[in-house]
Protein backbone atom coordinates (compact mmCIF):
# COMPACT_ATOMS: atom_id res chain seq x y z
CA UNK A 1 -18.90 21.81 1.24
CA UNK A 2 -17.11 23.09 -1.88
CA UNK A 3 -15.88 26.11 -0.07
CA UNK A 4 -14.51 23.95 2.76
CA UNK A 5 -12.68 21.65 0.30
CA UNK A 6 -11.28 24.70 -1.52
CA UNK A 7 -9.96 25.95 1.76
CA UNK A 8 -8.43 22.67 2.73
CA UNK A 9 -6.77 22.23 -0.70
CA UNK A 10 -5.23 25.68 -0.28
CA UNK A 11 -3.48 24.48 2.90
CA UNK A 12 -1.54 21.80 1.08
CA UNK A 13 -0.57 20.50 -2.27
CA UNK A 14 -3.23 18.92 -4.30
CA UNK A 15 -2.43 15.27 -5.01
CA UNK A 16 -4.71 13.16 -7.27
CA UNK A 17 -3.69 9.56 -6.68
CA UNK A 18 -5.93 6.65 -5.88
CA UNK A 19 -4.79 4.81 -2.81
CA UNK A 20 -5.50 1.02 -2.62
CA UNK A 21 -4.88 -0.61 0.70
CA UNK A 22 -2.93 -3.74 1.25
CA UNK A 23 -2.85 -5.57 4.58
CA UNK A 24 0.45 -5.14 6.45
CA UNK A 25 0.43 -8.65 7.94
CA UNK A 26 -1.34 -12.01 7.36
CA UNK A 27 -3.60 -11.37 10.33
CA UNK A 28 -5.01 -8.18 9.00
CA UNK A 29 -8.47 -7.98 7.32
CA UNK A 30 -8.63 -7.21 3.69
CA UNK A 31 -10.59 -4.29 2.24
CA UNK A 32 -12.97 -5.34 -0.47
CA UNK A 33 -15.17 -3.33 -2.77
CA UNK A 34 -13.58 -0.16 -1.26
CA UNK A 35 -11.35 2.57 -2.76
CA UNK A 36 -10.01 5.69 -1.26
CA UNK A 37 -8.63 8.64 -3.30
CA UNK A 38 -6.32 11.24 -1.73
CA UNK A 39 -7.68 14.68 -2.72
CA UNK A 40 -5.24 16.78 -0.82
CA UNK A 41 -2.49 16.70 1.74
CA UNK A 42 -0.87 19.39 3.74
CA UNK A 43 1.66 19.75 6.54
CA UNK A 44 0.49 21.77 9.58
CA UNK A 45 2.56 23.23 12.33
CA UNK A 46 1.69 22.60 15.99
CA UNK A 47 -1.69 24.11 16.75
CA UNK A 48 -3.94 24.91 19.67
CA UNK A 49 -7.27 26.09 18.21
CA UNK A 50 -10.63 26.43 19.66
CA UNK A 51 -13.99 27.90 18.62
CA UNK A 52 -17.26 28.27 20.53
CA UNK A 53 -20.51 30.14 20.31
CA UNK A 54 -20.90 33.43 22.17
CA UNK A 55 -22.26 33.05 25.71
CA UNK A 56 -25.85 34.25 26.40
CA UNK A 57 -28.84 33.46 28.66
CA UNK A 58 -29.12 29.96 27.14
CA UNK A 59 -25.51 29.38 26.67
CA UNK A 60 -25.57 25.87 28.03
CA UNK A 61 -28.37 24.86 25.62
CA UNK A 62 -26.67 26.45 22.57
CA UNK A 63 -22.97 26.30 23.16
CA UNK A 64 -20.93 24.18 20.88
CA UNK A 65 -17.21 24.00 21.26
CA UNK A 66 -14.63 22.74 18.91
CA UNK A 67 -11.02 22.20 20.07
CA UNK A 68 -8.04 20.91 17.98
CA UNK A 69 -4.74 20.61 19.63
CA UNK A 70 -1.52 18.92 18.25
CA UNK A 71 1.98 18.46 19.58
CA UNK A 72 4.51 18.96 16.77
CA UNK A 73 3.88 18.86 13.05
CA UNK A 74 0.90 17.08 11.63
CA UNK A 75 -0.26 15.95 8.32
CA UNK A 76 -3.80 16.67 7.15
CA UNK A 77 -5.39 14.49 4.53
CA UNK A 78 -8.61 14.99 2.55
CA UNK A 79 -9.88 11.59 1.31
CA UNK A 80 -12.67 10.61 -0.88
CA UNK A 81 -13.87 7.07 -0.03
CA UNK A 82 -16.25 4.84 -2.15
CA UNK A 83 -17.77 1.50 -1.24
CA UNK A 84 -19.62 -0.73 -3.65
CA UNK A 85 -22.65 -2.50 -2.19
CA UNK A 86 -21.23 -5.07 0.19
CA UNK A 87 -17.87 -3.27 0.30
CA UNK A 88 -15.74 -2.99 3.47
CA UNK A 89 -12.69 -1.10 4.63
CA UNK A 90 -11.47 -4.01 6.67
CA UNK A 91 -10.53 -3.57 10.31
CA UNK A 92 -8.17 -0.77 10.82
CA UNK A 93 -7.13 2.29 12.92
CA UNK A 94 -5.53 5.68 12.42
CA UNK A 95 -2.93 7.43 14.52
CA UNK A 96 -5.06 10.60 14.60
CA UNK A 97 -8.67 11.63 14.40
CA UNK A 98 -10.84 11.79 11.35
CA UNK A 99 -13.91 13.90 10.59
CA UNK A 100 -16.18 12.08 8.15
CA UNK A 101 -19.16 13.29 6.03
CA UNK A 102 -21.28 10.68 4.27
CA UNK A 103 -22.08 12.18 0.83
CA UNK A 104 -24.02 9.26 -0.73
CA UNK A 105 -25.66 6.10 0.40
CA UNK A 106 -25.12 4.60 3.90
CA UNK A 107 -22.07 3.38 5.70
CA UNK A 108 -22.21 1.32 8.91
CA UNK A 109 -19.45 1.45 11.43
CA UNK A 110 -18.55 -1.29 13.91
CA UNK A 111 -16.02 -0.68 16.72
CA UNK A 112 -13.39 -3.20 17.79
CA UNK A 113 -13.84 -2.64 21.59
CA UNK A 114 -17.69 -3.20 21.43
CA UNK A 115 -18.33 -6.81 22.46
CA UNK A 116 -22.00 -6.41 21.39
CA UNK A 117 -20.95 -5.37 17.83
CA UNK A 118 -23.54 -2.57 17.89
CA UNK A 119 -23.91 -0.95 14.35
CA UNK A 120 -23.49 2.74 13.91
CA UNK A 121 -25.46 3.64 10.73
CA UNK A 122 -24.64 7.00 8.99
CA UNK A 123 -26.64 8.06 5.98
CA UNK A 124 -25.95 10.76 3.32
CA UNK A 125 -25.74 14.20 5.00
CA UNK A 126 -24.62 12.85 8.33
CA UNK A 127 -21.17 13.23 9.86
CA UNK A 128 -19.23 11.37 12.54
CA UNK A 129 -15.83 11.46 14.18
CA UNK A 130 -13.26 8.56 14.36
CA UNK A 131 -11.11 9.40 17.43
CA UNK A 132 -8.06 7.47 16.13
CA UNK A 133 -5.41 6.20 18.35
CA UNK A 134 -6.34 2.85 19.90
CA UNK A 135 -9.82 3.04 18.32
CA UNK A 136 -10.13 0.32 15.71
CA UNK A 137 -13.08 0.02 13.52
CA UNK A 138 -14.57 -1.19 10.24
CA UNK A 139 -16.82 0.62 7.82
CA UNK A 140 -19.14 -1.29 5.65
CA UNK A 141 -21.80 -0.67 2.94
CA UNK A 142 -24.55 -2.91 3.86
CA UNK A 143 -26.97 -1.30 1.35
CA UNK A 144 -27.81 -1.90 -2.26
CA UNK A 145 -26.29 1.36 -3.67
CA UNK A 146 -22.81 2.79 -3.74
CA UNK A 147 -21.77 4.75 -0.56
CA UNK A 148 -19.36 7.68 -0.46
CA UNK A 149 -17.63 9.75 2.20
CA UNK A 150 -15.25 12.63 2.50
CA UNK A 151 -12.85 12.38 5.37
CA UNK A 152 -10.51 15.07 6.82
CA UNK A 153 -7.76 13.27 8.85
CA UNK A 154 -5.18 14.74 11.20
CA UNK A 155 -2.20 12.46 11.91
CA UNK A 156 1.31 13.07 13.32
CA UNK A 157 3.71 14.19 10.51
CA UNK A 158 5.10 11.26 8.43
CA UNK A 159 3.04 8.75 10.29
CA UNK A 160 1.09 6.07 8.43
CA UNK A 161 -2.41 7.37 7.74
CA UNK A 162 -4.03 3.97 8.20
CA UNK A 163 -3.05 0.90 10.12
CA UNK A 164 -4.61 -2.50 9.11
CA UNK A 165 -5.40 -4.61 12.17
CA UNK A 166 -6.64 -8.14 12.73
CA UNK A 167 -10.26 -8.93 13.24
CA UNK A 168 -10.97 -8.41 16.95
CA UNK A 169 -13.48 -11.30 16.84
CA UNK A 170 -16.43 -9.39 18.24
CA UNK A 171 -18.45 -9.15 15.05
CA UNK A 172 -19.47 -12.22 12.96
CA UNK A 173 -20.11 -10.93 9.52
């Protein structure tokens, strides 16, 4: 992971600033027991990148494909996130996608569109993707120890990285 972070930092200027979130409106939910530190930010030009494993006799079983396509300039952020036990991000969305790795503890994600409020539990060593756009979610530390993640986010240039939203009412915490 160190090599990946070193590479990402080389793409942009290193910024060491702790970002605390404040709701944008009275209807937004408030983060509690949660901090996010910006490790690096870089501006990327329009890209159309893909990567896949070579094809072979068992290509369908083994093939993995990654594609990242943007229109116009994008900002890439590398964030370190920390939740105290019981901490929450509050409900929010992002204008672009996020790749997230849990580095300590456990985080539980709930999605705003899920009327059943099904928990998605991610433990240290696991990764997941937040698709961004209209996808609103909340990340909580429902465990007894501190939880940490590293997130790499791609958002349109100069867009707000995080958009606080009102509780959709599907989860009753």
